[in-house]
Amino acid sequence: MSNELSSTPFWLCVVIAFILICQSSWMFWDARKRGYNAWLWGILGLIQFPTYLIIYLFFARKIFKRKVSGSNS
């Protein structure tokens, strides 16, 4: 039996770990700044890239806000 992890290049594992740590750190700091559950978003950011980042941007950051038309009086 061959171990699948041993066939993965070491530099690829380092790059993936770096991306996940950067994503998790940014999500943690941004969620804490905005008053959301920072630990939850930080831990979710460590799990997978970019799924939880996209979820965070849509639901916590609300990057696509609906514009409300109103009178400017």
N, C-alpha and C. Protein backbone atom coordinates (compact mmCIF):
# COMPACT_ATOMS: atom_id res chain seq x y z
N MET A 1 0.84 -1.18 0.00
CA MET A 1 0.00 0.00 0.00
C MET A 1 0.89 1.24 0.00
N SER A 2 0.54 2.19 -0.84
CA SER A 2 1.30 3.44 -0.87
C SER A 2 0.54 4.51 -0.09
N ASN A 3 1.29 5.34 0.55
CA ASN A 3 0.72 6.43 1.32
C ASN A 3 0.54 7.63 0.39
N GLU A 4 -0.69 8.14 0.27
CA GLU A 4 -0.96 9.24 -0.65
C GLU A 4 -0.27 10.52 -0.23
N LEU A 5 -0.11 10.74 1.07
CA LEU A 5 0.54 11.96 1.54
C LEU A 5 2.01 11.97 1.17
N SER A 6 2.64 10.80 1.14
CA SER A 6 4.05 10.75 0.79
C SER A 6 4.29 11.03 -0.69
N SER A 7 3.26 10.87 -1.53
CA SER A 7 3.42 11.17 -2.94
C SER A 7 3.18 12.64 -3.26
N THR A 8 2.64 13.40 -2.30
CA THR A 8 2.42 14.83 -2.48
C THR A 8 3.72 15.57 -2.21
N PRO A 9 4.12 16.47 -3.13
CA PRO A 9 5.36 17.23 -2.90
C PRO A 9 5.27 18.09 -1.63
N PHE A 10 6.37 18.18 -0.94
CA PHE A 10 6.42 18.93 0.31
C PHE A 10 6.08 20.40 0.10
N TRP A 11 6.58 20.99 -0.99
CA TRP A 11 6.34 22.41 -1.23
C TRP A 11 4.86 22.69 -1.44
N LEU A 12 4.12 21.74 -2.01
CA LEU A 12 2.69 21.91 -2.20
C LEU A 12 1.96 21.93 -0.86
N CYS A 13 2.36 21.08 0.05
CA CYS A 13 1.76 21.07 1.39
C CYS A 13 2.04 22.39 2.12
N VAL A 14 3.24 22.93 1.95
CA VAL A 14 3.59 24.21 2.58
C VAL A 14 2.75 25.34 2.00
N VAL A 15 2.56 25.36 0.69
CA VAL A 15 1.76 26.41 0.05
C VAL A 15 0.31 26.33 0.50
N ILE A 16 -0.24 25.14 0.56
CA ILE A 16 -1.63 24.97 1.00
C ILE A 16 -1.79 25.41 2.45
N ALA A 17 -0.85 25.02 3.31
CA ALA A 17 -0.90 25.43 4.72
C ALA A 17 -0.81 26.95 4.84
N PHE A 18 0.05 27.58 4.06
CA PHE A 18 0.20 29.04 4.09
C PHE A 18 -1.10 29.73 3.68
N ILE A 19 -1.74 29.24 2.61
CA ILE A 19 -3.00 29.82 2.14
C ILE A 19 -4.09 29.69 3.21
N LEU A 20 -4.19 28.52 3.82
CA LEU A 20 -5.22 28.31 4.84
C LEU A 20 -4.99 29.18 6.08
N ILE A 21 -3.74 29.33 6.49
CA ILE A 21 -3.44 30.15 7.66
C ILE A 21 -3.72 31.62 7.37
N CYS A 22 -3.35 32.09 6.18
CA CYS A 22 -3.63 33.48 5.81
C CYS A 22 -5.13 33.74 5.75
N GLN A 23 -5.87 32.83 5.13
CA GLN A 23 -7.32 32.96 5.04
C GLN A 23 -7.95 32.98 6.43
N SER A 24 -7.54 32.06 7.27
CA SER A 24 -8.10 31.97 8.61
C SER A 24 -7.79 33.21 9.44
N SER A 25 -6.57 33.70 9.34
CA SER A 25 -6.19 34.89 10.11
C SER A 25 -6.99 36.10 9.66
N TRP A 26 -7.12 36.30 8.36
CA TRP A 26 -7.88 37.45 7.87
C TRP A 26 -9.34 37.37 8.29
N MET A 27 -9.94 36.17 8.17
CA MET A 27 -11.33 36.02 8.56
C MET A 27 -11.50 36.27 10.06
N PHE A 28 -10.56 35.80 10.88
CA PHE A 28 -10.63 36.02 12.33
C PHE A 28 -10.57 37.51 12.65
N TRP A 29 -9.58 38.21 12.10
CA TRP A 29 -9.42 39.64 12.40
C TRP A 29 -10.59 40.47 11.88
N ASP A 30 -11.07 40.15 10.70
CA ASP A 30 -12.18 40.91 10.14
C ASP A 30 -13.48 40.65 10.91
N ALA A 31 -13.72 39.41 11.27
CA ALA A 31 -14.93 39.09 12.04
C ALA A 31 -14.88 39.74 13.42
N ARG A 32 -13.72 39.77 14.05
CA ARG A 32 -13.60 40.42 15.36
C ARG A 32 -13.83 41.92 15.23
N LYS A 33 -13.33 42.53 14.17
CA LYS A 33 -13.50 43.96 13.95
C LYS A 33 -14.97 44.31 13.71
N ARG A 34 -15.71 43.43 13.06
CA ARG A 34 -17.10 43.69 12.72
C ARG A 34 -18.10 43.16 13.77
N GLY A 35 -17.60 42.52 14.82
CA GLY A 35 -18.48 42.07 15.89
C GLY A 35 -19.11 40.71 15.67
N TYR A 36 -18.57 39.92 14.76
CA TYR A 36 -19.07 38.56 14.54
C TYR A 36 -18.27 37.58 15.39
N ASN A 37 -18.67 36.32 15.39
CA ASN A 37 -17.98 35.30 16.16
C ASN A 37 -16.63 34.99 15.50
N ALA A 38 -15.58 35.64 15.99
CA ALA A 38 -14.26 35.56 15.35
C ALA A 38 -13.68 34.15 15.40
N TRP A 39 -13.82 33.48 16.53
CA TRP A 39 -13.24 32.13 16.65
C TRP A 39 -13.90 31.15 15.69
N LEU A 40 -15.19 31.26 15.52
CA LEU A 40 -15.89 30.37 14.58
C LEU A 40 -15.37 30.57 13.17
N TRP A 41 -15.29 31.81 12.72
CA TRP A 41 -14.84 32.09 11.36
C TRP A 41 -13.37 31.74 11.19
N GLY A 42 -12.56 31.95 12.21
CA GLY A 42 -11.16 31.59 12.13
C GLY A 42 -10.94 30.09 11.99
N ILE A 43 -11.68 29.32 12.75
CA ILE A 43 -11.56 27.86 12.67
C ILE A 43 -12.11 27.34 11.34
N LEU A 44 -13.23 27.90 10.89
CA LEU A 44 -13.77 27.48 9.60
C LEU A 44 -12.81 27.83 8.46
N GLY A 45 -12.08 28.93 8.60
CA GLY A 45 -11.12 29.31 7.58
C GLY A 45 -9.95 28.36 7.48
N LEU A 46 -9.67 27.62 8.54
CA LEU A 46 -8.58 26.65 8.51
C LEU A 46 -8.97 25.34 7.83
N ILE A 47 -10.25 25.11 7.66
CA ILE A 47 -10.72 23.83 7.16
C ILE A 47 -10.59 23.70 5.65
N GLN A 48 -11.06 24.70 4.91
CA GLN A 48 -11.13 24.56 3.46
C GLN A 48 -11.00 25.91 2.79
N PHE A 49 -10.39 25.92 1.63
CA PHE A 49 -10.25 27.13 0.83
C PHE A 49 -10.93 26.88 -0.50
N PRO A 50 -11.68 27.75 -1.05
CA PRO A 50 -12.19 29.05 -0.63
C PRO A 50 -13.64 29.02 -0.19
N THR A 51 -14.20 27.84 0.08
CA THR A 51 -15.62 27.72 0.38
C THR A 51 -16.06 28.61 1.53
N TYR A 52 -15.39 28.53 2.68
CA TYR A 52 -15.81 29.32 3.83
C TYR A 52 -15.49 30.79 3.66
N LEU A 53 -14.50 31.12 2.86
CA LEU A 53 -14.22 32.51 2.55
C LEU A 53 -15.37 33.12 1.76
N ILE A 54 -15.88 32.39 0.79
CA ILE A 54 -17.01 32.87 0.00
C ILE A 54 -18.25 33.01 0.87
N ILE A 55 -18.50 32.03 1.73
CA ILE A 55 -19.64 32.10 2.65
C ILE A 55 -19.50 33.31 3.57
N TYR A 56 -18.30 33.55 4.07
CA TYR A 56 -18.07 34.71 4.94
C TYR A 56 -18.33 36.01 4.20
N LEU A 57 -17.84 36.11 2.98
CA LEU A 57 -18.03 37.34 2.21
C LEU A 57 -19.49 37.62 1.90
N PHE A 58 -20.27 36.59 1.63
CA PHE A 58 -21.68 36.78 1.32
C PHE A 58 -22.53 37.06 2.55
N PHE A 59 -22.29 36.34 3.64
CA PHE A 59 -23.20 36.45 4.78
C PHE A 59 -22.70 37.38 5.89
N ALA A 60 -21.44 37.39 6.18
CA ALA A 60 -20.94 38.26 7.25
C ALA A 60 -20.59 39.65 6.72
N ARG A 61 -19.90 39.70 5.59
CA ARG A 61 -19.52 41.00 5.04
C ARG A 61 -20.63 41.61 4.21
N LYS A 62 -21.53 40.80 3.71
CA LYS A 62 -22.65 41.24 2.86
C LYS A 62 -22.13 42.10 1.71
N ILE A 63 -21.27 41.49 0.87
CA ILE A 63 -20.64 42.24 -0.21
C ILE A 63 -21.62 42.64 -1.29
N PHE A 64 -22.75 41.95 -1.39
CA PHE A 64 -23.76 42.32 -2.37
C PHE A 64 -25.00 42.82 -1.62
N LYS A 65 -24.92 44.06 -1.15
CA LYS A 65 -26.04 44.64 -0.43
C LYS A 65 -27.07 45.14 -1.42
N ARG A 66 -28.32 44.95 -1.07
CA ARG A 66 -29.39 45.45 -1.90
C ARG A 66 -29.52 46.94 -1.66
N LYS A 67 -29.54 47.72 -2.74
CA LYS A 67 -29.67 49.17 -2.62
C LYS A 67 -31.14 49.51 -2.42
N VAL A 68 -31.39 50.33 -1.41
CA VAL A 68 -32.75 50.75 -1.11
C VAL A 68 -32.94 52.14 -1.68
N SER A 69 -33.95 52.29 -2.50
CA SER A 69 -34.22 53.62 -3.05
C SER A 69 -35.06 54.39 -2.05
N GLY A 70 -34.69 55.61 -1.87
CA GLY A 70 -35.40 56.46 -0.94
C GLY A 70 -35.35 57.89 -1.42
N SER A 71 -36.10 58.72 -0.74
CA SER A 71 -36.10 60.13 -1.13
C SER A 71 -34.94 60.86 -0.47
N ASN A 72 -34.35 61.76 -1.20
CA ASN A 72 -33.25 62.57 -0.68
C ASN A 72 -33.76 63.97 -0.36
N SER A 73 -34.59 64.07 0.67
CA SER A 73 -35.14 65.38 1.00
C SER A 73 -34.49 65.98 2.20
